[in-house]
Amino acid sequence: MSDKYIAVAEILIEIEKELRELRLWEFESPSEDALASTQPFAIDTLNFPQWLQFIFVPRLYLMAEQRLSLPRVSGVKPMAEEYFRVLNLNSALLIAHLEKMDKLLSE
């Protein structure tokens, strides 16, 4: 596994950790219909933390594990900033991890 794949996996671990720390990690998966959304960030069926947990993190883990082509562009940080702007959560570390992922994937 190349260094980039390892770096992706390490950042994903940190994202999951932060979601758990912020108590945003869910124990039940959304419905199949909710997960099948074709909208960006599944905005019509999931909230942003759900999208991270059930779509973003698993897909990138799969890509890293199977050494598939990784996305060349990632713009998750701005979406996170927008989502967390109105919430009273200390989301700075989560946003920092998402920024690291954006930068890594855009290299």
C-alpha atoms as a PDB file:
ATOM      1  CA  MET A   1       0.000   0.000   0.000  1.00  0.00           C
ATOM      2  CA  SER A   2       1.462   3.346  -0.987  1.00  0.00           C
ATOM      3  CA  ASP A   3       2.113   6.153   1.441  1.00  0.00           C
ATOM      4  CA  LYS A   4      -0.876   8.101   0.079  1.00  0.00           C
ATOM      5  CA  TYR A   5      -3.248   5.211   0.800  1.00  0.00           C
ATOM      6  CA  ILE A   6      -1.837   4.898   4.308  1.00  0.00           C
ATOM      7  CA  ALA A   7      -2.228   8.646   4.864  1.00  0.00           C
ATOM      8  CA  VAL A   8      -5.864   8.468   3.692  1.00  0.00           C
ATOM      9  CA  ALA A   9      -6.578   5.618   6.120  1.00  0.00           C
ATOM     10  CA  GLU A  10      -4.919   7.476   8.998  1.00  0.00           C
ATOM     11  CA  ILE A  11      -6.981  10.610   8.371  1.00  0.00           C
ATOM     12  CA  LEU A  12     -10.159   8.536   8.118  1.00  0.00           C
ATOM     13  CA  ILE A  13      -9.401   7.068  11.538  1.00  0.00           C
ATOM     14  CA  GLU A  14      -9.082  10.596  12.924  1.00  0.00           C
ATOM     15  CA  ILE A  15     -12.346  11.681  11.283  1.00  0.00           C
ATOM     16  CA  GLU A  16     -14.166   8.718  12.812  1.00  0.00           C
ATOM     17  CA  LYS A  17     -12.598   9.424  16.204  1.00  0.00           C
ATOM     18  CA  GLU A  18     -13.739  13.041  16.096  1.00  0.00           C
ATOM     19  CA  LEU A  19     -17.268  12.117  15.047  1.00  0.00           C
ATOM     20  CA  ARG A  20     -17.406   9.812  18.056  1.00  0.00           C
ATOM     21  CA  GLU A  21     -15.924  12.470  20.384  1.00  0.00           C
ATOM     22  CA  LEU A  22     -18.553  14.954  19.212  1.00  0.00           C
ATOM     23  CA  ARG A  23     -21.232  12.297  19.766  1.00  0.00           C
ATOM     24  CA  LEU A  24     -22.233  12.448  16.117  1.00  0.00           C
ATOM     25  CA  TRP A  25     -21.483   8.786  15.420  1.00  0.00           C
ATOM     26  CA  GLU A  26     -24.670   6.788  14.887  1.00  0.00           C
ATOM     27  CA  PHE A  27     -25.171   3.119  15.650  1.00  0.00           C
ATOM     28  CA  GLU A  28     -27.931   2.501  13.120  1.00  0.00           C
ATOM     29  CA  SER A  29     -27.437   2.933   9.434  1.00  0.00           C
ATOM     30  CA  PRO A  30     -29.891   5.078   7.475  1.00  0.00           C
ATOM     31  CA  SER A  31     -32.254   3.335   5.062  1.00  0.00           C
ATOM     32  CA  GLU A  32     -31.034   2.029   1.719  1.00  0.00           C
ATOM     33  CA  ASP A  33     -33.038   4.779   0.013  1.00  0.00           C
ATOM     34  CA  ALA A  34     -31.324   7.472   2.083  1.00  0.00           C
ATOM     35  CA  LEU A  35     -27.907   6.050   1.231  1.00  0.00           C
ATOM     36  CA  ALA A  36     -28.784   5.859  -2.482  1.00  0.00           C
ATOM     37  CA  SER A  37     -29.162   9.628  -2.846  1.00  0.00           C
ATOM     38  CA  THR A  38     -27.595  11.100  -5.960  1.00  0.00           C
ATOM     39  CA  GLN A  39     -27.414  14.626  -4.554  1.00  0.00           C
ATOM     40  CA  PRO A  40     -24.032  16.066  -3.493  1.00  0.00           C
ATOM     41  CA  PHE A  41     -23.335  15.080   0.128  1.00  0.00           C
ATOM     42  CA  ALA A  42     -26.720  13.245   0.025  1.00  0.00           C
ATOM     43  CA  ILE A  43     -28.102  16.552   1.222  1.00  0.00           C
ATOM     44  CA  ASP A  44     -31.657  15.501   0.464  1.00  0.00           C
ATOM     45  CA  THR A  45     -31.580  12.411   2.710  1.00  0.00           C
ATOM     46  CA  LEU A  46     -28.712  12.652   5.239  1.00  0.00           C
ATOM     47  CA  ASN A  47     -27.247  15.268   7.508  1.00  0.00           C
ATOM     48  CA  PHE A  48     -23.562  16.050   7.020  1.00  0.00           C
ATOM     49  CA  PRO A  49     -22.209  13.819   9.850  1.00  0.00           C
ATOM     50  CA  GLN A  50     -24.311  10.921   8.526  1.00  0.00           C
ATOM     51  CA  TRP A  51     -22.876  11.472   5.052  1.00  0.00           C
ATOM     52  CA  LEU A  52     -19.358  11.405   6.508  1.00  0.00           C
ATOM     53  CA  GLN A  53     -20.023   8.242   8.500  1.00  0.00           C
ATOM     54  CA  PHE A  54     -22.029   6.211   6.034  1.00  0.00           C
ATOM     55  CA  ILE A  55     -20.763   7.358   2.625  1.00  0.00           C
ATOM     56  CA  PHE A  56     -17.499   9.333   2.709  1.00  0.00           C
ATOM     57  CA  VAL A  57     -15.519   7.299   5.244  1.00  0.00           C
ATOM     58  CA  PRO A  58     -16.536   3.815   3.999  1.00  0.00           C
ATOM     59  CA  ARG A  59     -15.924   4.693   0.335  1.00  0.00           C
ATOM     60  CA  LEU A  60     -12.477   6.112   0.981  1.00  0.00           C
ATOM     61  CA  TYR A  61     -11.561   3.155   3.221  1.00  0.00           C
ATOM     62  CA  LEU A  62     -12.580   0.805   0.411  1.00  0.00           C
ATOM     63  CA  MET A  63     -10.571   2.782  -2.140  1.00  0.00           C
ATOM     64  CA  ALA A  64      -7.525   2.766   0.128  1.00  0.00           C
ATOM     65  CA  GLU A  65      -7.798  -0.933   1.002  1.00  0.00           C
ATOM     66  CA  GLN A  66      -8.232  -1.993  -2.608  1.00  0.00           C
ATOM     67  CA  ARG A  67      -5.758   0.576  -3.928  1.00  0.00           C
ATOM     68  CA  LEU A  68      -8.350   2.047  -6.257  1.00  0.00           C
ATOM     69  CA  SER A  69      -7.958   5.452  -7.846  1.00  0.00           C
ATOM     70  CA  LEU A  70      -8.609   8.101  -5.243  1.00  0.00           C
ATOM     71  CA  PRO A  71     -10.595  11.245  -6.025  1.00  0.00           C
ATOM     72  CA  ARG A  72      -8.356  13.968  -7.398  1.00  0.00           C
ATOM     73  CA  VAL A  73     -10.404  16.774  -5.935  1.00  0.00           C
ATOM     74  CA  SER A  74     -12.047  16.992  -2.546  1.00  0.00           C
ATOM     75  CA  GLY A  75     -13.972  19.914  -1.144  1.00  0.00           C
ATOM     76  CA  VAL A  76     -15.360  18.529   2.084  1.00  0.00           C
ATOM     77  CA  LYS A  77     -13.954  21.208   4.407  1.00  0.00           C
ATOM     78  CA  PRO A  78     -16.174  24.063   3.116  1.00  0.00           C
ATOM     79  CA  MET A  79     -19.270  21.883   3.523  1.00  0.00           C
ATOM     80  CA  ALA A  80     -18.203  21.037   7.076  1.00  0.00           C
ATOM     81  CA  GLU A  81     -17.615  24.694   7.908  1.00  0.00           C
ATOM     82  CA  GLU A  82     -21.059  25.586   6.608  1.00  0.00           C
ATOM     83  CA  TYR A  83     -22.785  22.740   8.459  1.00  0.00           C
ATOM     84  CA  PHE A  84     -21.072  23.327  11.806  1.00  0.00           C
ATOM     85  CA  ARG A  85     -21.257  27.128  11.686  1.00  0.00           C
ATOM     86  CA  VAL A  86     -24.695  27.161  13.342  1.00  0.00           C
ATOM     87  CA  LEU A  87     -24.071  24.346  15.810  1.00  0.00           C
ATOM     88  CA  ASN A  88     -22.632  24.809  19.266  1.00  0.00           C
ATOM     89  CA  LEU A  89     -19.981  22.102  18.849  1.00  0.00           C
ATOM     90  CA  ASN A  90     -16.227  22.325  19.015  1.00  0.00           C
ATOM     91  CA  SER A  91     -15.801  20.982  15.499  1.00  0.00           C
ATOM     92  CA  ALA A  92     -12.433  22.642  14.761  1.00  0.00           C
ATOM     93  CA  LEU A  93     -10.444  19.392  14.960  1.00  0.00           C
ATOM     94  CA  LEU A  94     -12.884  17.519  12.724  1.00  0.00           C
ATOM     95  CA  ILE A  95     -12.726  20.342  10.188  1.00  0.00           C
ATOM     96  CA  ALA A  96      -8.919  20.287  10.374  1.00  0.00           C
ATOM     97  CA  HIS A  97      -8.899  16.558   9.561  1.00  0.00           C
ATOM     98  CA  LEU A  98     -11.253  17.154   6.639  1.00  0.00           C
ATOM     99  CA  GLU A  99      -8.967  19.914   5.406  1.00  0.00           C
ATOM    100  CA  LYS A 100      -6.008  17.493   5.571  1.00  0.00           C
ATOM    101  CA  MET A 101      -7.996  15.026   3.477  1.00  0.00           C
ATOM    102  CA  ASP A 102      -8.919  17.713   0.950  1.00  0.00           C
ATOM    103  CA  LYS A 103      -5.262  18.687   0.581  1.00  0.00           C
ATOM    104  CA  LEU A 104      -4.025  15.098   0.375  1.00  0.00           C
ATOM    105  CA  LEU A 105      -6.516  14.120  -2.299  1.00  0.00           C
ATOM    106  CA  SER A 106      -5.859  17.292  -4.296  1.00  0.00           C
ATOM    107  CA  GLU A 107      -2.076  16.728  -4.443  1.00  0.00           C
END
